[in-house]
Amino acid sequence: MWEQGRQGTGYLKRKIFQFANGWFALDCYILKYPEKSYIPPHTDPIPGHKHFRLNIVLKKAKVGGNVYYFNTRCYRRIMLFRPDYIEHEVSQVQRGERIVLSIGLATKKV
C-alpha cells in the first residue's frame, strides 16, 4: 500500500521491509514521485546513530525530478550517501514520474 511521504510534498512510499534492534536499523522502500511532487532541501538525522542510504533510480522522470546533494546536481542512478549530514533534495517532477529503491541503515555511534 502506498503512503504519503513524510515531507508532505506529493511523493509516495511503499515499505518493503523494516528491521530494528538495539544496535542497528535497516529499512527498504520504493519511492514514487508523480508529477508536481518534490522534496525540499533537508537532512535526515537519527539521534545517536550514523545514517547511511543507498538510492537506486529505477525510473527517471521525463522532465524534472533531479537530485541535488549539497546544491550539486547528481547524474548517477546509484548513490550511497550519509543523509544525516549531507543536505539533499529532489526538484519538482514536471513530466512523467520518478521511481527509486531506497535502502537505509542506521548504526549506533560508538
PDB file of N, CA and C in Angstrom:
ATOM      1  N   MET A   1       0.835  -1.180   0.000  1.00  0.00           N
ATOM      2  CA  MET A   1       0.000   0.000   0.000  1.00  0.00           C
ATOM      3  C   MET A   1       0.887   1.253   0.000  1.00  0.00           C
ATOM      4  N   TRP A   2       0.574   2.217  -0.842  1.00  0.00           N
ATOM      5  CA  TRP A   2       1.314   3.465  -0.923  1.00  0.00           C
ATOM      6  C   TRP A   2       0.873   4.421   0.184  1.00  0.00           C
ATOM      7  N   GLU A   3       1.840   5.105   0.787  1.00  0.00           N
ATOM      8  CA  GLU A   3       1.588   6.110   1.818  1.00  0.00           C
ATOM      9  C   GLU A   3       2.210   7.424   1.377  1.00  0.00           C
ATOM     10  N   GLN A   4       1.678   8.532   1.884  1.00  0.00           N
ATOM     11  CA  GLN A   4       2.282   9.836   1.627  1.00  0.00           C
ATOM     12  C   GLN A   4       3.656   9.887   2.284  1.00  0.00           C
ATOM     13  N   GLY A   5       4.619  10.495   1.614  1.00  0.00           N
ATOM     14  CA  GLY A   5       5.941  10.681   2.205  1.00  0.00           C
ATOM     15  C   GLY A   5       5.884  11.667   3.354  1.00  0.00           C
ATOM     16  N   ARG A   6       6.839  11.590   4.242  1.00  0.00           N
ATOM     17  CA  ARG A   6       6.800  12.415   5.459  1.00  0.00           C
ATOM     18  C   ARG A   6       7.016  13.897   5.205  1.00  0.00           C
ATOM     19  N   GLN A   7       7.550  14.258   4.039  1.00  0.00           N
ATOM     20  CA  GLN A   7       7.744  15.668   3.719  1.00  0.00           C
ATOM     21  C   GLN A   7       6.431  16.357   3.351  1.00  0.00           C
ATOM     22  N   GLY A   8       5.410  15.571   2.959  1.00  0.00           N
ATOM     23  CA  GLY A   8       4.116  16.145   2.596  1.00  0.00           C
ATOM     24  C   GLY A   8       4.147  16.936   1.295  1.00  0.00           C
ATOM     25  N   THR A   9       5.010  16.520   0.353  1.00  0.00           N
ATOM     26  CA  THR A   9       5.169  17.277  -0.889  1.00  0.00           C
ATOM     27  C   THR A   9       4.762  16.463  -2.123  1.00  0.00           C
ATOM     28  N   GLY A  10       3.963  15.428  -1.926  1.00  0.00           N
ATOM     29  CA  GLY A  10       3.396  14.704  -3.053  1.00  0.00           C
ATOM     30  C   GLY A  10       4.035  13.382  -3.403  1.00  0.00           C
ATOM     31  N   TYR A  11       5.215  13.082  -2.848  1.00  0.00           N
ATOM     32  CA  TYR A  11       5.805  11.789  -3.179  1.00  0.00           C
ATOM     33  C   TYR A  11       5.172  10.693  -2.329  1.00  0.00           C
ATOM     34  N   LEU A  12       5.249   9.467  -2.813  1.00  0.00           N
ATOM     35  CA  LEU A  12       4.642   8.318  -2.135  1.00  0.00           C
ATOM     36  C   LEU A  12       5.718   7.313  -1.781  1.00  0.00           C
ATOM     37  N   LYS A  13       5.462   6.535  -0.729  1.00  0.00           N
ATOM     38  CA  LYS A  13       6.415   5.494  -0.336  1.00  0.00           C
ATOM     39  C   LYS A  13       5.676   4.193  -0.064  1.00  0.00           C
ATOM     40  N   ARG A  14       6.359   3.103  -0.342  1.00  0.00           N
ATOM     41  CA  ARG A  14       5.834   1.758  -0.061  1.00  0.00           C
ATOM     42  C   ARG A  14       6.936   0.986   0.657  1.00  0.00           C
ATOM     43  N   LYS A  15       6.654   0.581   1.906  1.00  0.00           N
ATOM     44  CA  LYS A  15       7.642  -0.142   2.690  1.00  0.00           C
ATOM     45  C   LYS A  15       7.754  -1.572   2.188  1.00  0.00           C
ATOM     46  N   ILE A  16       8.990  -2.004   1.919  1.00  0.00           N
ATOM     47  CA  ILE A  16       9.267  -3.379   1.539  1.00  0.00           C
ATOM     48  C   ILE A  16       9.573  -4.184   2.800  1.00  0.00           C
ATOM     49  N   PHE A  17      10.475  -3.650   3.645  1.00  0.00           N
ATOM     50  CA  PHE A  17      10.729  -4.263   4.943  1.00  0.00           C
ATOM     51  C   PHE A  17      11.358  -3.241   5.877  1.00  0.00           C
ATOM     52  N   GLN A  18      11.304  -3.565   7.170  1.00  0.00           N
ATOM     53  CA  GLN A  18      11.916  -2.730   8.193  1.00  0.00           C
ATOM     54  C   GLN A  18      12.305  -3.636   9.349  1.00  0.00           C
ATOM     55  N   PHE A  19      13.521  -3.443   9.864  1.00  0.00           N
ATOM     56  CA  PHE A  19      14.017  -4.245  10.987  1.00  0.00           C
ATOM     57  C   PHE A  19      14.824  -3.337  11.899  1.00  0.00           C
ATOM     58  N   ALA A  20      14.678  -3.520  13.196  1.00  0.00           N
ATOM     59  CA  ALA A  20      15.474  -2.742  14.145  1.00  0.00           C
ATOM     60  C   ALA A  20      15.726  -3.566  15.401  1.00  0.00           C
ATOM     61  N   ASN A  21      16.922  -3.394  15.951  1.00  0.00           N
ATOM     62  CA  ASN A  21      17.217  -3.919  17.277  1.00  0.00           C
ATOM     63  C   ASN A  21      17.972  -2.818  18.016  1.00  0.00           C
ATOM     64  N   GLY A  22      18.636  -3.119  19.098  1.00  0.00           N
ATOM     65  CA  GLY A  22      19.306  -2.081  19.873  1.00  0.00           C
ATOM     66  C   GLY A  22      20.530  -1.471  19.215  1.00  0.00           C
ATOM     67  N   TRP A  23      21.111  -2.142  18.231  1.00  0.00           N
ATOM     68  CA  TRP A  23      22.365  -1.683  17.631  1.00  0.00           C
ATOM     69  C   TRP A  23      22.221  -1.063  16.252  1.00  0.00           C
ATOM     70  N   PHE A  24      21.246  -1.540  15.488  1.00  0.00           N
ATOM     71  CA  PHE A  24      21.092  -1.001  14.145  1.00  0.00           C
ATOM     72  C   PHE A  24      19.650  -1.139  13.676  1.00  0.00           C
ATOM     73  N   ALA A  25      19.345  -0.398  12.627  1.00  0.00           N
ATOM     74  CA  ALA A  25      18.028  -0.470  11.986  1.00  0.00           C
ATOM     75  C   ALA A  25      18.266  -0.540  10.476  1.00  0.00           C
ATOM     76  N   LEU A  26      17.447  -1.313   9.798  1.00  0.00           N
ATOM     77  CA  LEU A  26      17.546  -1.492   8.350  1.00  0.00           C
ATOM     78  C   LEU A  26      16.152  -1.339   7.765  1.00  0.00           C
ATOM     79  N   ASP A  27      16.045  -0.599   6.657  1.00  0.00           N
ATOM     80  CA  ASP A  27      14.743  -0.465   6.005  1.00  0.00           C
ATOM     81  C   ASP A  27      14.911  -0.448   4.495  1.00  0.00           C
ATOM     82  N   CYS A  28      13.820  -0.705   3.807  1.00  0.00           N
ATOM     83  CA  CYS A  28      13.815  -0.688   2.350  1.00  0.00           C
ATOM     84  C   CYS A  28      12.461  -0.169   1.884  1.00  0.00           C
ATOM     85  N   TYR A  29      12.488   0.814   0.996  1.00  0.00           N
ATOM     86  CA  TYR A  29      11.272   1.429   0.469  1.00  0.00           C
ATOM     87  C   TYR A  29      11.355   1.574  -1.050  1.00  0.00           C
ATOM     88  N   ILE A  30      10.211   1.587  -1.689  1.00  0.00           N
ATOM     89  CA  ILE A  30      10.081   2.068  -3.055  1.00  0.00           C
ATOM     90  C   ILE A  30       9.476   3.464  -2.927  1.00  0.00           C
ATOM     91  N   LEU A  31      10.100   4.448  -3.560  1.00  0.00           N
ATOM     92  CA  LEU A  31       9.608   5.825  -3.531  1.00  0.00           C
ATOM     93  C   LEU A  31       9.107   6.182  -4.919  1.00  0.00           C
ATOM     94  N   LYS A  32       7.919   6.768  -4.974  1.00  0.00           N
ATOM     95  CA  LYS A  32       7.329   7.172  -6.247  1.00  0.00           C
ATOM     96  C   LYS A  32       7.079   8.681  -6.204  1.00  0.00           C
ATOM     97  N   TYR A  33       7.570   9.354  -7.223  1.00  0.00           N
ATOM     98  CA  TYR A  33       7.416  10.799  -7.348  1.00  0.00           C
ATOM     99  C   TYR A  33       6.542  11.089  -8.562  1.00  0.00           C
ATOM    100  N   PRO A  34       5.239  11.274  -8.378  1.00  0.00           N
ATOM    101  CA  PRO A  34       4.381  11.638  -9.518  1.00  0.00           C
ATOM    102  C   PRO A  34       4.614  13.100  -9.917  1.00  0.00           C
ATOM    103  N   GLU A  35       4.014  13.508 -11.011  1.00  0.00           N
ATOM    104  CA  GLU A  35       4.147  14.894 -11.457  1.00  0.00           C
ATOM    105  C   GLU A  35       3.766  15.862 -10.341  1.00  0.00           C
ATOM    106  N   LYS A  36       4.523  16.932 -10.250  1.00  0.00           N
ATOM    107  CA  LYS A  36       4.374  18.032  -9.285  1.00  0.00           C
ATOM    108  C   LYS A  36       4.950  17.709  -7.908  1.00  0.00           C
ATOM    109  N   SER A  37       5.385  16.482  -7.657  1.00  0.00           N
ATOM    110  CA  SER A  37       5.970  16.157  -6.350  1.00  0.00           C
ATOM    111  C   SER A  37       7.435  16.588  -6.320  1.00  0.00           C
ATOM    112  N   TYR A  38       7.949  16.774  -5.131  1.00  0.00           N
ATOM    113  CA  TYR A  38       9.335  17.202  -4.919  1.00  0.00           C
ATOM    114  C   TYR A  38       9.680  16.971  -3.462  1.00  0.00           C
ATOM    115  N   ILE A  39      10.953  17.158  -3.116  1.00  0.00           N
ATOM    116  CA  ILE A  39      11.386  17.133  -1.723  1.00  0.00           C
ATOM    117  C   ILE A  39      12.320  18.324  -1.532  1.00  0.00           C
ATOM    118  N   PRO A  40      12.023  19.216  -0.583  1.00  0.00           N
ATOM    119  CA  PRO A  40      12.881  20.381  -0.360  1.00  0.00           C
ATOM    120  C   PRO A  40      14.213  19.971   0.282  1.00  0.00           C
ATOM    121  N   PRO A  41      15.199  20.879   0.281  1.00  0.00           N
ATOM    122  CA  PRO A  41      16.485  20.569   0.916  1.00  0.00           C
ATOM    123  C   PRO A  41      16.297  20.203   2.386  1.00  0.00           C
ATOM    124  N   HIS A  42      16.966  19.117   2.798  1.00  0.00           N
ATOM    125  CA  HIS A  42      16.842  18.654   4.182  1.00  0.00           C
ATOM    126  C   HIS A  42      17.938  17.639   4.496  1.00  0.00           C
ATOM    127  N   THR A  43      18.058  17.299   5.769  1.00  0.00           N
ATOM    128  CA  THR A  43      18.876  16.165   6.218  1.00  0.00           C
ATOM    129  C   THR A  43      17.966  15.238   7.006  1.00  0.00           C
ATOM    130  N   ASP A  44      18.447  14.020   7.231  1.00  0.00           N
ATOM    131  CA  ASP A  44      17.664  13.012   7.954  1.00  0.00           C
ATOM    132  C   ASP A  44      18.456  12.470   9.140  1.00  0.00           C
ATOM    133  N   PRO A  45      18.623  13.281  10.196  1.00  0.00           N
ATOM    134  CA  PRO A  45      19.372  12.794  11.354  1.00  0.00           C
ATOM    135  C   PRO A  45      18.581  11.744  12.141  1.00  0.00           C
ATOM    136  N   ILE A  46      19.300  10.809  12.698  1.00  0.00           N
ATOM    137  CA  ILE A  46      18.725   9.823  13.619  1.00  0.00           C
ATOM    138  C   ILE A  46      19.561   9.941  14.885  1.00  0.00           C
ATOM    139  N   PRO A  47      19.021  10.529  15.952  1.00  0.00           N
ATOM    140  CA  PRO A  47      19.809  10.803  17.156  1.00  0.00           C
ATOM    141  C   PRO A  47      20.545   9.557  17.663  1.00  0.00           C
ATOM    142  N   GLY A  48      21.852   9.725  17.917  1.00  0.00           N
ATOM    143  CA  GLY A  48      22.678   8.652  18.449  1.00  0.00           C
ATOM    144  C   GLY A  48      23.105   7.612  17.426  1.00  0.00           C
ATOM    145  N   HIS A  49      22.809   7.836  16.147  1.00  0.00           N
ATOM    146  CA  HIS A  49      23.126   6.865  15.102  1.00  0.00           C
ATOM    147  C   HIS A  49      23.800   7.527  13.904  1.00  0.00           C
ATOM    148  N   LYS A  50      24.568   6.734  13.170  1.00  0.00           N
ATOM    149  CA  LYS A  50      25.051   7.112  11.845  1.00  0.00           C
ATOM    150  C   LYS A  50      24.024   6.587  10.857  1.00  0.00           C
ATOM    151  N   HIS A  51      23.679   7.382   9.861  1.00  0.00           N
ATOM    152  CA  HIS A  51      22.623   7.020   8.909  1.00  0.00           C
ATOM    153  C   HIS A  51      23.231   6.912   7.510  1.00  0.00           C
ATOM    154  N   PHE A  52      23.052   5.761   6.879  1.00  0.00           N
ATOM    155  CA  PHE A  52      23.532   5.513   5.526  1.00  0.00           C
ATOM    156  C   PHE A  52      22.332   5.184   4.649  1.00  0.00           C
ATOM    157  N   ARG A  53      22.386   5.584   3.381  1.00  0.00           N
ATOM    158  CA  ARG A  53      21.279   5.265   2.477  1.00  0.00           C
ATOM    159  C   ARG A  53      21.818   4.995   1.081  1.00  0.00           C
ATOM    160  N   LEU A  54      21.294   3.929   0.488  1.00  0.00           N
ATOM    161  CA  LEU A  54      21.593   3.568  -0.893  1.00  0.00           C
ATOM    162  C   LEU A  54      20.329   3.800  -1.700  1.00  0.00           C
ATOM    163  N   ASN A  55      20.391   4.732  -2.653  1.00  0.00           N
ATOM    164  CA  ASN A  55      19.260   5.026  -3.533  1.00  0.00           C
ATOM    165  C   ASN A  55      19.588   4.567  -4.943  1.00  0.00           C
ATOM    166  N   ILE A  56      18.677   3.802  -5.523  1.00  0.00           N
ATOM    167  CA  ILE A  56      18.831   3.316  -6.887  1.00  0.00           C
ATOM    168  C   ILE A  56      17.631   3.818  -7.689  1.00  0.00           C
ATOM    169  N   VAL A  57      17.896   4.643  -8.686  1.00  0.00           N
ATOM    170  CA  VAL A  57      16.820   5.191  -9.522  1.00  0.00           C
ATOM    171  C   VAL A  57      16.389   4.109 -10.510  1.00  0.00           C
ATOM    172  N   LEU A  58      15.150   3.646 -10.357  1.00  0.00           N
ATOM    173  CA  LEU A  58      14.615   2.618 -11.246  1.00  0.00           C
ATOM    174  C   LEU A  58      13.991   3.232 -12.493  1.00  0.00           C
ATOM    175  N   LYS A  59      13.454   4.450 -12.337  1.00  0.00           N
ATOM    176  CA  LYS A  59      12.832   5.150 -13.470  1.00  0.00           C
ATOM    177  C   LYS A  59      13.043   6.646 -13.278  1.00  0.00           C
ATOM    178  N   LYS A  60      13.619   7.281 -14.281  1.00  0.00           N
ATOM    179  CA  LYS A  60      13.818   8.729 -14.230  1.00  0.00           C
ATOM    180  C   LYS A  60      12.581   9.433 -14.772  1.00  0.00           C
ATOM    181  N   ALA A  61      12.288  10.600 -14.204  1.00  0.00           N
ATOM    182  CA  ALA A  61      11.206  11.435 -14.738  1.00  0.00           C
ATOM    183  C   ALA A  61      11.624  11.951 -16.113  1.00  0.00           C
ATOM    184  N   LYS A  62      10.634  12.206 -16.965  1.00  0.00           N
ATOM    185  CA  LYS A  62      10.952  12.749 -18.293  1.00  0.00           C
ATOM    186  C   LYS A  62      11.504  14.161 -18.181  1.00  0.00           C
ATOM    187  N   VAL A  63      10.931  14.959 -17.281  1.00  0.00           N
ATOM    188  CA  VAL A  63      11.406  16.319 -17.034  1.00  0.00           C
ATOM    189  C   VAL A  63      11.343  16.565 -15.528  1.00  0.00           C
ATOM    190  N   GLY A  64      12.433  17.073 -14.969  1.00  0.00           N
ATOM    191  CA  GLY A  64      12.491  17.364 -13.534  1.00  0.00           C
ATOM    192  C   GLY A  64      12.824  16.125 -12.729  1.00  0.00           C
ATOM    193  N   GLY A  65      12.573  16.214 -11.435  1.00  0.00           N
ATOM    194  CA  GLY A  65      12.877  15.096 -10.547  1.00  0.00           C
ATOM    195  C   GLY A  65      14.370  14.875 -10.385  1.00  0.00           C
ATOM    196  N   ASN A  66      15.135  15.962 -10.468  1.00  0.00           N
ATOM    197  CA  ASN A  66      16.588  15.866 -10.324  1.00  0.00           C
ATOM    198  C   ASN A  66      16.977  15.839  -8.853  1.00  0.00           C
ATOM    199  N   VAL A  67      18.029  15.105  -8.540  1.00  0.00           N
ATOM    200  CA  VAL A  67      18.522  15.011  -7.172  1.00  0.00           C
ATOM    201  C   VAL A  67      19.714  15.935  -7.012  1.00  0.00           C
ATOM    202  N   TYR A  68      19.735  16.637  -5.890  1.00  0.00           N
ATOM    203  CA  TYR A  68      20.835  17.526  -5.560  1.00  0.00           C
ATOM    204  C   TYR A  68      21.370  17.160  -4.185  1.00  0.00           C
ATOM    205  N   TYR A  69      22.690  17.051  -4.078  1.00  0.00           N
ATOM    206  CA  TYR A  69      23.385  16.849  -2.814  1.00  0.00           C
ATOM    207  C   TYR A  69      24.280  18.063  -2.626  1.00  0.00           C
ATOM    208  N   PHE A  70      24.159  18.746  -1.488  1.00  0.00           N
ATOM    209  CA  PHE A  70      24.933  19.973  -1.232  1.00  0.00           C
ATOM    210  C   PHE A  70      24.816  20.933  -2.410  1.00  0.00           C
ATOM    211  N   ASN A  71      23.618  21.106  -2.945  1.00  0.00           N
ATOM    212  CA  ASN A  71      23.335  22.028  -4.048  1.00  0.00           C
ATOM    213  C   ASN A  71      24.020  21.651  -5.365  1.00  0.00           C
ATOM    214  N   THR A  72      24.479  20.412  -5.494  1.00  0.00           N
ATOM    215  CA  THR A  72      25.116  19.947  -6.727  1.00  0.00           C
ATOM    216  C   THR A  72      24.264  18.850  -7.336  1.00  0.00           C
ATOM    217  N   ARG A  73      23.910  19.007  -8.601  1.00  0.00           N
ATOM    218  CA  ARG A  73      23.068  18.003  -9.256  1.00  0.00           C
ATOM    219  C   ARG A  73      23.827  16.689  -9.401  1.00  0.00           C
ATOM    220  N   CYS A  74      23.146  15.591  -9.101  1.00  0.00           N
ATOM    221  CA  CYS A  74      23.737  14.263  -9.212  1.00  0.00           C
ATOM    222  C   CYS A  74      23.135  13.564 -10.432  1.00  0.00           C
ATOM    223  N   TYR A  75      23.987  13.071 -11.310  1.00  0.00           N
ATOM    224  CA  TYR A  75      23.530  12.415 -12.528  1.00  0.00           C
ATOM    225  C   TYR A  75      23.563  10.891 -12.407  1.00  0.00           C
ATOM    226  N   ARG A  76      24.008  10.374 -11.299  1.00  0.00           N
ATOM    227  CA  ARG A  76      24.128   8.928 -11.117  1.00  0.00           C
ATOM    228  C   ARG A  76      22.783   8.296 -10.802  1.00  0.00           C
ATOM    229  N   ARG A  77      22.613   7.074 -11.254  1.00  0.00           N
ATOM    230  CA  ARG A  77      21.396   6.321 -10.918  1.00  0.00           C
ATOM    231  C   ARG A  77      21.542   5.598  -9.580  1.00  0.00           C
ATOM    232  N   ILE A  78      22.777   5.379  -9.137  1.00  0.00           N
ATOM    233  CA  ILE A  78      23.032   4.685  -7.872  1.00  0.00           C
ATOM    234  C   ILE A  78      23.854   5.612  -6.992  1.00  0.00           C
ATOM    235  N   MET A  79      23.351   5.854  -5.765  1.00  0.00           N
ATOM    236  CA  MET A  79      24.047   6.764  -4.873  1.00  0.00           C
ATOM    237  C   MET A  79      24.020   6.237  -3.450  1.00  0.00           C
ATOM    238  N   LEU A  80      25.192   6.100  -2.845  1.00  0.00           N
ATOM    239  CA  LEU A  80      25.333   5.757  -1.435  1.00  0.00           C
ATOM    240  C   LEU A  80      25.807   7.015  -0.726  1.00  0.00           C
ATOM    241  N   PHE A  81      25.072   7.442   0.301  1.00  0.00           N
ATOM    242  CA  PHE A  81      25.425   8.689   0.971  1.00  0.00           C
ATOM    243  C   PHE A  81      24.976   8.679   2.420  1.00  0.00           C
ATOM    244  N   ARG A  82      25.381   9.714   3.160  1.00  0.00           N
ATOM    245  CA  ARG A  82      25.020   9.889   4.566  1.00  0.00           C
ATOM    246  C   ARG A  82      23.956  10.985   4.652  1.00  0.00           C
ATOM    247  N   PRO A  83      22.667  10.609   4.646  1.00  0.00           N
ATOM    248  CA  PRO A  83      21.611  11.629   4.690  1.00  0.00           C
ATOM    249  C   PRO A  83      21.510  12.357   6.020  1.00  0.00           C
ATOM    250  N   ASP A  84      22.216  11.869   7.044  1.00  0.00           N
ATOM    251  CA  ASP A  84      22.171  12.554   8.329  1.00  0.00           C
ATOM    252  C   ASP A  84      22.990  13.842   8.317  1.00  0.00           C
ATOM    253  N   TYR A  85      23.958  13.979   7.418  1.00  0.00           N
ATOM    254  CA  TYR A  85      24.679  15.250   7.355  1.00  0.00           C
ATOM    255  C   TYR A  85      24.873  15.799   5.946  1.00  0.00           C
ATOM    256  N   ILE A  86      24.479  15.076   4.918  1.00  0.00           N
ATOM    257  CA  ILE A  86      24.533  15.606   3.559  1.00  0.00           C
ATOM    258  C   ILE A  86      23.150  16.143   3.189  1.00  0.00           C
ATOM    259  N   GLU A  87      23.068  17.450   3.002  1.00  0.00           N
ATOM    260  CA  GLU A  87      21.790  18.040   2.600  1.00  0.00           C
ATOM    261  C   GLU A  87      21.445  17.558   1.192  1.00  0.00           C
ATOM    262  N   HIS A  88      20.207  17.142   1.010  1.00  0.00           N
ATOM    263  CA  HIS A  88      19.773  16.605  -0.280  1.00  0.00           C
ATOM    264  C   HIS A  88      18.343  17.041  -0.565  1.00  0.00           C
ATOM    265  N   GLU A  89      17.991  16.988  -1.857  1.00  0.00           N
ATOM    266  CA  GLU A  89      16.649  17.387  -2.283  1.00  0.00           C
ATOM    267  C   GLU A  89      16.336  16.750  -3.630  1.00  0.00           C
ATOM    268  N   VAL A  90      15.055  16.760  -3.992  1.00  0.00           N
ATOM    269  CA  VAL A  90      14.602  16.316  -5.311  1.00  0.00           C
ATOM    270  C   VAL A  90      13.779  17.455  -5.893  1.00  0.00           C
ATOM    271  N   SER A  91      14.174  17.918  -7.082  1.00  0.00           N
ATOM    272  CA  SER A  91      13.425  19.006  -7.721  1.00  0.00           C
ATOM    273  C   SER A  91      12.054  18.504  -8.177  1.00  0.00           C
ATOM    274  N   GLN A  92      11.152  19.423  -8.415  1.00  0.00           N
ATOM    275  CA  GLN A  92       9.781  19.058  -8.791  1.00  0.00           C
ATOM    276  C   GLN A  92       9.757  18.277 -10.104  1.00  0.00           C
ATOM    277  N   VAL A  93       9.005  17.199 -10.109  1.00  0.00           N
ATOM    278  CA  VAL A  93       8.803  16.418 -11.327  1.00  0.00           C
ATOM    279  C   VAL A  93       7.833  17.197 -12.209  1.00  0.00           C
ATOM    280  N   GLN A  94       8.282  17.572 -13.393  1.00  0.00           N
ATOM    281  CA  GLN A  94       7.455  18.359 -14.318  1.00  0.00           C
ATOM    282  C   GLN A  94       6.659  17.472 -15.270  1.00  0.00           C
ATOM    283  N   ARG A  95       7.270  16.334 -15.653  1.00  0.00           N
ATOM    284  CA  ARG A  95       6.580  15.420 -16.568  1.00  0.00           C
ATOM    285  C   ARG A  95       7.068  14.000 -16.293  1.00  0.00           C
ATOM    286  N   GLY A  96       6.118  13.051 -16.302  1.00  0.00           N
ATOM    287  CA  GLY A  96       6.455  11.654 -16.033  1.00  0.00           C
ATOM    288  C   GLY A  96       6.464  11.376 -14.543  1.00  0.00           C
ATOM    289  N   GLU A  97       7.161  10.330 -14.160  1.00  0.00           N
ATOM    290  CA  GLU A  97       7.300  10.011 -12.736  1.00  0.00           C
ATOM    291  C   GLU A  97       8.691   9.455 -12.491  1.00  0.00           C
ATOM    292  N   ARG A  98       9.115   9.558 -11.257  1.00  0.00           N
ATOM    293  CA  ARG A  98      10.423   9.067 -10.821  1.00  0.00           C
ATOM    294  C   ARG A  98      10.175   7.956  -9.816  1.00  0.00           C
ATOM    295  N   ILE A  99      10.906   6.842  -9.943  1.00  0.00           N
ATOM    296  CA  ILE A  99      10.759   5.722  -9.010  1.00  0.00           C
ATOM    297  C   ILE A  99      12.148   5.336  -8.504  1.00  0.00           C
ATOM    298  N   VAL A 100      12.266   5.176  -7.176  1.00  0.00           N
ATOM    299  CA  VAL A 100      13.553   4.914  -6.536  1.00  0.00           C
ATOM    300  C   VAL A 100      13.421   3.766  -5.548  1.00  0.00           C
ATOM    301  N   LEU A 101      14.402   2.880  -5.546  1.00  0.00           N
ATOM    302  CA  LEU A 101      14.554   1.870  -4.498  1.00  0.00           C
ATOM    303  C   LEU A 101      15.501   2.475  -3.479  1.00  0.00           C
ATOM    304  N   SER A 102      15.079   2.577  -2.215  1.00  0.00           N
ATOM    305  CA  SER A 102      15.862   3.238  -1.177  1.00  0.00           C
ATOM    306  C   SER A 102      16.067   2.285  -0.008  1.00  0.00           C
ATOM    307  N   ILE A 103      17.332   2.004   0.297  1.00  0.00           N
ATOM    308  CA  ILE A 103      17.704   1.086   1.384  1.00  0.00           C
ATOM    309  C   ILE A 103      18.494   1.868   2.413  1.00  0.00           C
ATOM    310  N   GLY A 104      18.033   1.832   3.658  1.00  0.00           N
ATOM    311  CA  GLY A 104      18.679   2.611   4.711  1.00  0.00           C
ATOM    312  C   GLY A 104      19.238   1.740   5.816  1.00  0.00           C
ATOM    313  N   LEU A 105      20.341   2.214   6.409  1.00  0.00           N
ATOM    314  CA  LEU A 105      20.962   1.548   7.553  1.00  0.00           C
ATOM    315  C   LEU A 105      21.340   2.621   8.566  1.00  0.00           C
ATOM    316  N   ALA A 106      20.918   2.427   9.802  1.00  0.00           N
ATOM    317  CA  ALA A 106      21.289   3.315  10.887  1.00  0.00           C
ATOM    318  C   ALA A 106      22.026   2.468  11.929  1.00  0.00           C
ATOM    319  N   THR A 107      23.252   2.883  12.273  1.00  0.00           N
ATOM    320  CA  THR A 107      24.044   2.148  13.268  1.00  0.00           C
ATOM    321  C   THR A 107      24.341   3.050  14.440  1.00  0.00           C
ATOM    322  N   LYS A 108      24.387   2.449  15.632  1.00  0.00           N
ATOM    323  CA  LYS A 108      24.694   3.236  16.831  1.00  0.00           C
ATOM    324  C   LYS A 108      26.087   3.834  16.755  1.00  0.00           C
ATOM    325  N   LYS A 109      26.198   5.088  17.180  1.00  0.00           N
ATOM    326  CA  LYS A 109      27.517   5.721  17.270  1.00  0.00           C
ATOM    327  C   LYS A 109      28.229   5.134  18.471  1.00  0.00           C
ATOM    328  N   VAL A 110      29.500   4.834  18.304  1.00  0.00           N
ATOM    329  CA  VAL A 110      30.292   4.314  19.432  1.00  0.00           C
ATOM    330  C   VAL A 110      31.485   5.186  19.695  1.00  0.00           C
TER     331      VAL A 110
END
